[in-house]
């Protein structure tokens, strides 16, 4: 009986002898190629293909299989540098707590010194303690999270980004450093004058094991030593961090910011006639510009009287300013105006959502916004052109016929015309200033946020 073709069960591969042999040869070649690639696989950090084949199982477990020897060493150095940064921050915090708990509080409780004298010696030590605790808490959380996620090399820990978030701690260091000389002089004078204070300090140094036989003066130097060590610690992390790492640029920015602040502290120290200075740093044009910016921000903050923690600097830089004599200057063109160079800072005062602490509070809605106009340096100091312009009392506008400028009119007072050397930059200034003027202006509640046409000012134009 003939069997139907559909019922025949084949026992071979169905592709014949020759194709099967070729397939096996191709599979063997593919396997060889995979093994060769595995032997020379690219490093995940640098992309090089110089990975040796590990024959020792122990060595293979010690070194990441997807890293070359150079990158493995770099990761190890980076991890050690990151841990050094965090551990030394913790040690610095412990010294701050010793200053408060072993010196400040006992001296206060025993009445050895008045509150004014304690303030003179210990300066803003409480502010430094609060900043250190917040900073260290975030650092430790990042370390713990990295280990929990299996990141044993701590590659996901971004010290630079965290440091820039806490950049407000640098002015606190500045306050302490600038008062250090007077603090030590006061301590020396009081120690000679008050016998009980001298006895307390001697007994504490010799009998209090928490002090490690160090005196109060040594502990008072801890903030100065810490702030000058930040650039070194950041440099070590930068050296061990590949340029492709997401934190590389933030690390460099953090190092530049701290060096600029140290240069500014040195400059202020010399201006006040003190003989000591912090360690000097090479000053390039960028750092010099940043030092000037720091000084201008201090001038602006002192002028408006806001808390540093509630203040945000939105924009700052050089602008050209003119005050038109009448409202017809647009028809004549901006070339008829006489411009002068001016340093301009746009500051906003933010409400805090949380009242638990100033440093940890989240910024909320804008309470106020001002433009601070500062003349270029004269005799080594900055001088204000006038009192700050409150944007809640200003109307900002531009005209198509003069698109390289914008006008700011202070209601019932003056009018100003601003421009930048770069037209795009001028437009950016205009958008930012107009935004806060519209948000805060009391006139926005009338006429669907249109300015009151009955406002009598000679500078208002249709």
Protein backbone atom coordinates (compact mmCIF):
# COMPACT_ATOMS: atom_id res chain seq x y z
CA UNK A 1 0.00 0.00 0.00
CA UNK A 2 1.42 3.42 -0.96
CA UNK A 3 1.85 5.87 1.92
CA UNK A 4 0.74 9.45 1.51
CA UNK A 5 3.58 11.99 1.41
CA UNK A 6 2.05 13.83 4.33
CA UNK A 7 2.37 10.75 6.51
CA UNK A 8 6.07 10.22 5.87
CA UNK A 9 8.16 11.08 8.97
CA UNK A 10 11.64 12.29 8.11
CA UNK A 11 14.55 11.30 10.30
CA UNK A 12 17.18 13.69 8.85
CA UNK A 13 17.58 17.43 9.39
CA UNK A 14 15.75 18.22 6.21
CA UNK A 15 18.57 20.33 4.76
CA UNK A 16 20.80 17.59 3.40
CA UNK A 17 24.39 16.64 4.19
CA UNK A 18 26.28 19.53 2.54
CA UNK A 19 24.17 22.39 3.94
CA UNK A 20 24.29 20.83 7.41
CA UNK A 21 28.09 20.67 7.29
CA UNK A 22 28.26 24.32 6.18
CA UNK A 23 25.88 25.34 8.98
CA UNK A 24 28.02 23.55 11.56
CA UNK A 25 31.14 25.24 10.21
CA UNK A 26 29.46 28.64 10.34
CA UNK A 27 28.27 28.04 13.91
CA UNK A 28 31.78 27.05 14.88
CA UNK A 29 33.19 30.20 13.30
CA UNK A 30 30.60 32.34 15.07
CA UNK A 31 31.47 30.75 18.40
CA UNK A 32 35.15 31.41 17.76
CA UNK A 33 34.38 35.04 16.91
CA UNK A 34 32.35 35.47 20.11
CA UNK A 35 35.18 33.99 22.14
CA UNK A 36 37.66 36.28 20.42
CA UNK A 37 35.43 39.32 21.11
CA UNK A 38 35.04 38.24 24.72
CA UNK A 39 38.81 38.04 25.02
CA UNK A 40 39.15 41.60 23.67
CA UNK A 41 35.84 43.12 24.80
CA UNK A 42 35.75 46.93 25.08
CA UNK A 43 36.02 48.62 28.47
CA UNK A 44 32.72 50.18 29.48
CA UNK A 45 34.46 53.32 30.77
CA UNK A 46 37.05 54.14 28.10
CA UNK A 47 36.06 51.87 25.17
CA UNK A 48 39.55 50.42 24.79
CA UNK A 49 39.96 46.71 23.87
CA UNK A 50 42.98 45.85 25.96
CA UNK A 51 41.25 43.60 28.47
CA UNK A 52 43.39 40.52 29.20
CA UNK A 53 41.69 37.15 29.57
CA UNK A 54 41.52 36.28 33.26
CA UNK A 55 42.58 32.73 34.02
CA UNK A 56 42.66 33.18 37.77
CA UNK A 57 39.13 33.01 39.15
CA UNK A 58 40.08 35.03 42.21
CA UNK A 59 41.55 37.85 40.13
CA UNK A 60 38.46 37.80 37.91
CA UNK A 61 36.23 38.22 40.94
CA UNK A 62 38.38 41.04 42.29
CA UNK A 63 38.29 43.02 39.05
CA UNK A 64 35.18 43.93 37.10
CA UNK A 65 35.09 41.80 33.94
CA UNK A 66 34.00 44.73 31.75
CA UNK A 67 36.71 47.19 32.87
CA UNK A 68 40.28 47.53 31.73
CA UNK A 69 42.97 47.64 34.36
CA UNK A 70 43.43 51.41 34.03
CA UNK A 71 39.72 52.19 34.48
CA UNK A 72 39.42 49.70 37.32
CA UNK A 73 42.23 51.53 39.10
CA UNK A 74 40.55 54.86 38.35
CA UNK A 75 37.22 53.67 39.77
CA UNK A 76 38.98 52.47 42.90
CA UNK A 77 40.69 55.83 43.31
CA UNK A 78 37.40 57.66 42.73
CA UNK A 79 35.61 55.57 45.33
CA UNK A 80 38.37 56.22 47.85
CA UNK A 81 38.27 59.97 47.08
CA UNK A 82 34.48 60.13 47.46
CA UNK A 83 34.61 58.26 50.77
CA UNK A 84 37.44 60.52 51.93
CA UNK A 85 35.30 63.57 51.14
CA UNK A 86 32.35 62.22 53.14
CA UNK A 87 34.41 60.85 56.04
CA UNK A 88 36.39 64.08 56.49
CA UNK A 89 33.12 66.04 56.38
CA UNK A 90 31.87 63.83 59.21
CA UNK A 91 35.09 64.39 61.19
CA UNK A 92 34.80 68.13 60.68
CA UNK A 93 31.21 67.98 61.93
CA UNK A 94 32.38 66.13 65.04
CA UNK A 95 34.89 68.92 65.78
CA UNK A 96 32.11 71.49 65.42
CA UNK A 97 29.95 69.60 67.90
CA UNK A 98 32.88 69.42 70.33
CA UNK A 99 33.25 73.20 70.13
CA UNK A 100 29.59 73.61 71.03
CA UNK A 101 29.09 70.82 73.60
CA UNK A 102 32.48 70.82 75.34
CA UNK A 103 33.27 74.54 75.29
CA UNK A 104 30.40 76.84 74.36
CA UNK A 105 27.57 75.29 76.38
CA UNK A 106 29.62 74.62 79.58
CA UNK A 107 31.06 78.16 79.50
CA UNK A 108 27.56 79.56 78.99
CA UNK A 109 26.03 77.43 81.77
CA UNK A 110 28.79 78.33 84.26
CA UNK A 111 28.56 82.02 83.41
CA UNK A 112 32.27 82.23 82.61
CA UNK A 113 31.58 84.66 79.77
CA UNK A 114 28.76 86.97 78.78
CA UNK A 115 26.63 86.25 75.73
CA UNK A 116 28.37 89.05 73.84
CA UNK A 117 31.78 87.57 74.65
CA UNK A 118 30.67 84.09 73.61
CA UNK A 119 29.40 85.51 70.33
CA UNK A 120 32.71 87.25 69.80
CA UNK A 121 34.73 84.05 70.28
CA UNK A 122 32.49 81.45 68.64
CA UNK A 123 31.05 83.67 65.90
CA UNK A 124 28.44 81.85 63.71
CA UNK A 125 29.44 78.36 64.82
CA UNK A 126 25.79 77.27 65.10
CA UNK A 127 25.16 78.18 61.47
CA UNK A 128 28.16 76.08 60.42
CA UNK A 129 26.87 73.16 62.50
CA UNK A 130 23.43 73.30 60.88
CA UNK A 131 24.93 73.47 57.37
CA UNK A 132 27.29 70.58 58.08
CA UNK A 133 24.48 68.38 59.37
CA UNK A 134 22.32 69.03 56.30
CA UNK A 135 25.23 68.59 53.88
CA UNK A 136 26.45 65.41 55.55
CA UNK A 137 22.94 63.93 55.65
CA UNK A 138 22.54 64.29 51.87
CA UNK A 139 26.03 62.89 51.25
CA UNK A 140 25.40 59.87 53.44
CA UNK A 141 22.02 59.21 51.83
CA UNK A 142 23.69 59.16 48.38
CA UNK A 143 26.35 56.71 49.59
CA UNK A 144 23.80 54.38 51.21
CA UNK A 145 21.53 54.48 48.16
CA UNK A 146 24.44 53.61 45.86
CA UNK A 147 25.39 50.58 47.95
CA UNK A 148 21.74 49.46 48.20
CA UNK A 149 21.47 49.53 44.39
CA UNK A 150 24.60 47.43 43.97
CA UNK A 151 26.81 50.34 42.92
CA UNK A 152 29.88 49.29 44.89
CA UNK A 153 32.09 51.69 42.95
CA UNK A 154 29.88 54.69 43.94
CA UNK A 155 29.71 55.81 40.30
CA UNK A 156 26.17 57.16 40.83
CA UNK A 157 27.28 59.47 43.67
CA UNK A 158 27.60 63.02 42.31
CA UNK A 159 29.59 65.05 44.83
CA UNK A 160 29.80 68.06 42.50
CA UNK A 161 26.03 68.39 42.11
CA UNK A 162 25.47 68.06 45.86
CA UNK A 163 28.17 70.64 46.60
CA UNK A 164 26.60 73.17 44.22
CA UNK A 165 23.23 72.67 45.94
CA UNK A 166 24.87 73.71 49.22
CA UNK A 167 26.85 76.62 47.78
CA UNK A 168 25.14 78.90 50.34
CA UNK A 169 27.44 77.44 53.00
CA UNK A 170 30.39 79.33 51.48
CA UNK A 171 29.23 82.78 52.72
CA UNK A 172 28.85 81.22 56.19
CA UNK A 173 32.51 80.14 56.04
CA UNK A 174 33.40 83.67 54.94
CA UNK A 175 31.66 85.21 57.97
CA UNK A 176 33.55 82.88 60.30
CA UNK A 177 36.93 83.35 58.61
CA UNK A 178 36.75 87.13 58.62
CA UNK A 179 36.02 87.14 62.37
CA UNK A 180 38.71 84.59 63.22
CA UNK A 181 41.45 87.10 63.98
CA UNK A 182 39.30 89.16 66.36
CA UNK A 183 37.95 85.95 67.96
CA UNK A 184 41.44 84.69 68.83
CA UNK A 185 42.48 88.11 70.15
CA UNK A 186 39.39 88.25 72.36
CA UNK A 187 40.02 84.74 73.67
CA UNK A 188 43.64 85.59 74.53
CA UNK A 189 42.61 88.76 76.37
CA UNK A 190 39.83 87.05 78.33
CA UNK A 191 42.05 84.11 79.26
CA UNK A 192 44.56 86.52 80.84
CA UNK A 193 41.80 88.48 82.55
CA UNK A 194 39.61 85.65 83.92
CA UNK A 195 41.30 83.02 86.07
CA UNK A 196 38.27 80.68 86.12
CA UNK A 197 38.23 80.65 82.32
CA UNK A 198 41.94 79.80 82.23
CA UNK A 199 41.45 76.95 84.72
CA UNK A 200 38.47 75.57 82.76
CA UNK A 201 40.40 75.55 79.47
CA UNK A 202 43.45 73.86 81.04
CA UNK A 203 41.40 71.18 82.80
CA UNK A 204 39.38 70.50 79.66
CA UNK A 205 42.49 70.02 77.54
CA UNK A 206 44.21 67.68 80.03
CA UNK A 207 41.29 65.68 81.44
CA UNK A 208 38.55 65.65 78.76
CA UNK A 209 39.29 62.64 76.54
CA UNK A 210 36.90 63.90 73.85
CA UNK A 211 39.28 66.78 73.12
CA UNK A 212 42.24 64.51 72.25
CA UNK A 213 44.47 66.85 74.33
CA UNK A 214 43.75 69.71 71.92
CA UNK A 215 43.00 73.23 73.15
CA UNK A 216 40.11 75.48 72.16
CA UNK A 217 42.21 77.46 69.67
CA UNK A 218 42.93 74.30 67.69
CA UNK A 219 39.26 73.45 67.43
CA UNK A 220 38.37 77.00 66.42
CA UNK A 221 40.64 76.55 63.39
CA UNK A 222 38.54 73.60 62.11
CA UNK A 223 36.25 75.68 59.79
CA UNK A 224 39.26 77.43 58.24
CA UNK A 225 41.02 74.14 57.64
CA UNK A 226 37.88 72.59 56.19
CA UNK A 227 37.05 75.33 53.70
CA UNK A 228 40.64 75.38 52.38
CA UNK A 229 40.64 71.60 52.00
CA UNK A 230 37.58 71.49 49.72
CA UNK A 231 39.53 72.36 46.52
CA UNK A 232 42.06 69.60 47.21
CA UNK A 233 39.38 66.98 47.86
CA UNK A 234 37.42 68.01 44.77
CA UNK A 235 40.61 67.90 42.67
CA UNK A 236 41.21 64.31 43.70
CA UNK A 237 37.70 63.30 42.67
CA UNK A 238 38.01 65.18 39.37
CA UNK A 239 41.30 63.43 38.58
CA UNK A 240 39.66 60.02 39.08
CA UNK A 241 36.44 60.91 37.21
CA UNK A 242 36.24 60.40 33.45
CA UNK A 243 35.12 63.40 31.43
CA UNK A 244 32.08 61.43 30.24
CA UNK A 245 30.78 61.07 33.81
CA UNK A 246 27.63 63.21 34.40
CA UNK A 247 29.19 64.82 37.48
CA UNK A 248 32.45 65.87 35.78
CA UNK A 249 31.36 69.41 34.83
CA UNK A 250 29.66 69.97 38.21
CA UNK A 251 32.85 68.94 40.01
CA UNK A 252 34.86 71.48 38.04
CA UNK A 253 32.25 74.19 38.66
CA UNK A 254 32.21 73.39 42.40
CA UNK A 255 36.01 73.63 42.57
CA UNK A 256 35.96 76.95 40.72
CA UNK A 257 33.27 78.36 43.03
CA UNK A 258 35.11 77.44 46.23
CA UNK A 259 38.41 78.82 44.94
CA UNK A 260 36.71 82.07 43.98
CA UNK A 261 35.23 82.39 47.47
CA UNK A 262 38.64 81.75 49.04
CA UNK A 263 40.17 84.48 46.89
CA UNK A 264 37.33 86.79 47.93
CA UNK A 265 37.94 86.01 51.62
CA UNK A 266 41.64 86.83 51.15
CA UNK A 267 40.73 90.11 49.47
CA UNK A 268 38.31 91.09 52.27
CA UNK A 269 40.91 90.11 54.87
CA UNK A 270 43.49 92.44 53.34
CA UNK A 271 40.93 95.26 53.11
CA UNK A 272 40.22 94.94 56.83
CA UNK A 273 43.93 95.11 57.66
CA UNK A 274 44.36 91.56 58.97
CA UNK A 275 47.79 90.01 58.58
CA UNK A 276 46.67 86.40 58.05
CA UNK A 277 45.21 85.05 54.82
CA UNK A 278 43.89 81.74 53.60
CA UNK A 279 45.95 79.65 51.21
CA UNK A 280 46.32 81.48 47.89
CA UNK A 281 45.02 80.03 44.64
CA UNK A 282 45.96 80.70 41.04
CA UNK A 283 43.54 83.30 39.79
CA UNK A 284 42.49 83.21 36.16
CA UNK A 285 40.11 85.62 34.45
CA UNK A 286 37.04 83.47 35.23
CA UNK A 287 37.85 83.33 38.95
CA UNK A 288 38.54 87.06 38.99
CA UNK A 289 35.11 87.66 37.46
CA UNK A 290 33.50 85.37 40.04
CA UNK A 291 35.22 87.22 42.90
CA UNK A 292 33.74 90.48 41.59
CA UNK A 293 30.31 88.83 41.37
CA UNK A 294 30.55 87.64 44.97
CA UNK A 295 31.33 91.19 46.13
CA UNK A 296 28.41 92.62 44.13
CA UNK A 297 26.01 90.02 45.56
CA UNK A 298 27.07 90.99 49.08
CA UNK A 299 26.46 94.65 48.29
CA UNK A 300 23.03 93.84 46.86
CA UNK A 301 22.03 91.66 49.84
CA UNK A 302 23.12 94.32 52.31
CA UNK A 303 21.09 96.89 50.38
CA UNK A 304 17.79 94.97 50.21
CA UNK A 305 18.17 93.46 53.69
CA UNK A 306 16.90 89.99 52.75
CA UNK A 307 17.98 86.70 54.30
CA UNK A 308 20.58 84.95 52.17
CA UNK A 309 18.67 81.66 52.38
CA UNK A 310 15.54 83.30 50.94
CA UNK A 311 17.32 85.13 48.12
CA UNK A 312 17.91 83.87 44.59
CA UNK A 313 20.08 85.70 42.06
CA UNK A 314 18.24 85.22 38.76
CA UNK A 315 20.54 87.26 36.50
CA UNK A 316 23.59 89.45 36.90
CA UNK A 317 25.94 91.19 34.54
CA UNK A 318 26.84 94.38 32.74
CA UNK A 319 24.13 96.40 30.98
CA UNK A 320 24.06 99.80 29.34
CA UNK A 321 21.58 102.22 30.93
CA UNK A 322 20.10 105.52 29.77
CA UNK A 323 17.43 107.83 31.21
CA UNK A 324 15.47 109.43 28.34
CA UNK A 325 14.50 113.06 28.88
CA UNK A 326 11.03 112.54 27.33
CA UNK A 327 8.78 109.85 25.89
CA UNK A 328 9.60 110.69 22.26
CA UNK A 329 13.04 109.05 22.13
CA UNK A 330 11.68 106.03 20.21
CA UNK A 331 10.87 108.19 17.20
CA UNK A 332 14.37 109.64 17.23
CA UNK A 333 16.02 106.27 17.83
CA UNK A 334 18.13 104.90 20.68
CA UNK A 335 21.25 106.46 19.15
CA UNK A 336 20.12 109.79 20.58
CA UNK A 337 20.36 108.42 24.13
CA UNK A 338 23.46 108.67 26.26
CA UNK A 339 24.22 105.23 27.73
CA UNK A 340 26.49 104.39 30.65
CA UNK A 341 27.82 100.99 31.70
CA UNK A 342 26.20 99.56 34.81
CA UNK A 343 26.32 96.32 36.80
CA UNK A 344 22.76 95.01 37.17
CA UNK A 345 21.54 92.23 39.46
CA UNK A 346 18.05 90.73 39.37
CA UNK A 347 17.16 89.35 42.83
CA UNK A 348 14.01 87.57 43.96
CA UNK A 349 12.89 86.90 47.51
CA UNK A 350 11.38 83.41 47.86
CA UNK A 351 8.89 82.31 50.48
CA UNK A 352 9.85 79.14 52.37
CA UNK A 353 7.34 76.30 52.36
CA UNK A 354 8.90 74.62 55.40
CA UNK A 355 9.82 76.54 58.53
CA UNK A 356 11.82 73.71 60.15
CA UNK A 357 15.17 75.25 59.20
CA UNK A 358 16.36 77.92 56.83
CA UNK A 359 18.85 75.65 55.06
CA UNK A 360 16.54 72.72 54.37
CA UNK A 361 13.44 74.69 53.49
CA UNK A 362 11.99 74.33 50.03
CA UNK A 363 11.62 77.58 48.06
CA UNK A 364 8.05 78.67 47.49
CA UNK A 365 6.32 81.55 45.69
CA UNK A 366 8.13 84.80 44.98
CA UNK A 367 7.53 87.50 47.60
CA UNK A 368 9.47 90.31 45.98
CA UNK A 369 11.84 91.07 43.10
CA UNK A 370 14.23 93.97 42.63
CA UNK A 371 16.81 95.30 40.21
CA UNK A 372 19.99 96.52 41.90
CA UNK A 373 22.01 99.01 39.84
CA UNK A 374 25.70 99.24 40.77
CA UNK A 375 28.26 101.56 39.27
CA UNK A 376 31.60 100.16 38.14
CA UNK A 377 34.26 100.03 40.83
CA UNK A 378 35.62 103.34 42.07
CA UNK A 379 38.48 103.44 44.61
CA UNK A 380 38.16 99.68 45.10
CA UNK A 381 34.50 99.75 46.15
CA UNK A 382 31.11 99.32 44.51
CA UNK A 383 28.54 102.12 44.80
CA UNK A 384 24.80 101.98 44.15
CA UNK A 385 23.37 104.21 41.44
CA UNK A 386 20.12 104.56 43.39
CA UNK A 387 17.88 102.53 45.68
CA UNK A 388 16.78 99.16 44.20
CA UNK A 389 13.99 99.17 41.62
CA UNK A 390 11.08 97.11 42.95
CA UNK A 391 9.54 95.32 40.00
CA UNK A 392 6.12 95.29 41.65
CA UNK A 393 6.07 99.05 40.96
CA UNK A 394 7.43 98.88 37.43
CA UNK A 395 6.11 98.35 33.91
CA UNK A 396 8.46 96.80 31.38
CA UNK A 397 7.94 97.22 27.65
CA UNK A 398 9.71 97.07 24.32
CA UNK A 399 9.12 98.71 20.94
CA UNK A 400 9.49 97.08 17.48
CA UNK A 401 11.29 100.18 16.20
CA UNK A 402 13.99 99.80 18.87
CA UNK A 403 14.26 96.04 19.39
CA UNK A 404 17.83 96.32 20.72
CA UNK A 405 16.56 97.98 23.92
CA UNK A 406 13.76 97.70 26.46
CA UNK A 407 12.23 100.30 28.74
CA UNK A 408 11.45 100.03 32.44
CA UNK A 409 9.10 102.66 33.89
CA UNK A 410 8.88 103.07 37.64
CA UNK A 411 5.30 104.16 38.27
CA UNK A 412 5.05 107.92 39.01
CA UNK A 413 8.82 108.23 39.10
CA UNK A 414 11.53 107.54 36.52
CA UNK A 415 12.04 105.72 33.25
CA UNK A 416 15.11 103.70 32.27
CA UNK A 417 16.24 102.23 28.96
CA UNK A 418 18.46 99.15 29.07
CA UNK A 419 20.43 97.26 26.48
CA UNK A 420 23.15 94.62 26.32
CA UNK A 421 25.98 94.50 23.79
CA UNK A 422 24.38 91.25 22.57
CA UNK A 423 20.82 91.60 21.24
CA UNK A 424 19.78 88.08 22.28
CA UNK A 425 21.03 88.78 25.78
CA UNK A 426 19.00 92.00 25.84
CA UNK A 427 15.84 90.06 24.97
CA UNK A 428 16.61 87.52 27.73
CA UNK A 429 16.94 90.31 30.31
CA UNK A 430 13.67 91.81 29.09
CA UNK A 431 11.74 88.52 29.40
CA UNK A 432 13.02 87.82 32.91
CA UNK A 433 12.31 91.34 34.24
CA UNK A 434 8.90 91.50 32.59
CA UNK A 435 7.97 88.12 34.09
CA UNK A 436 8.46 89.25 37.69
CA UNK A 437 6.95 92.66 37.00
CA UNK A 438 3.76 90.98 35.80
CA UNK A 439 3.67 88.45 38.65
CA UNK A 440 4.15 91.00 41.43
CA UNK A 441 2.67 94.20 40.05
CA UNK A 442 -0.33 95.47 42.02
CA UNK A 443 -1.74 96.95 38.81
CA UNK A 444 -2.23 93.45 37.39
CA UNK A 445 -5.38 93.13 39.50
CA UNK A 446 -7.01 95.87 37.46
CA UNK A 447 -8.15 95.82 33.83
CA UNK A 448 -7.16 92.19 33.24
CA UNK A 449 -3.51 92.78 34.09
CA UNK A 450 -3.24 95.84 31.84
CA UNK A 451 -1.51 98.91 33.25
CA UNK A 452 -3.72 101.72 34.45
CA UNK A 453 -3.94 104.18 31.58
CA UNK A 454 -4.65 106.98 34.05
CA UNK A 455 -1.20 106.71 35.62
CA UNK A 456 0.31 110.16 35.29
CA UNK A 457 3.95 109.93 34.36
CA UNK A 458 5.68 112.06 31.75
CA UNK A 459 7.62 109.04 30.49
CA UNK A 460 4.63 106.84 29.67
CA UNK A 461 4.03 106.59 25.98
CA UNK A 462 1.07 105.08 24.08
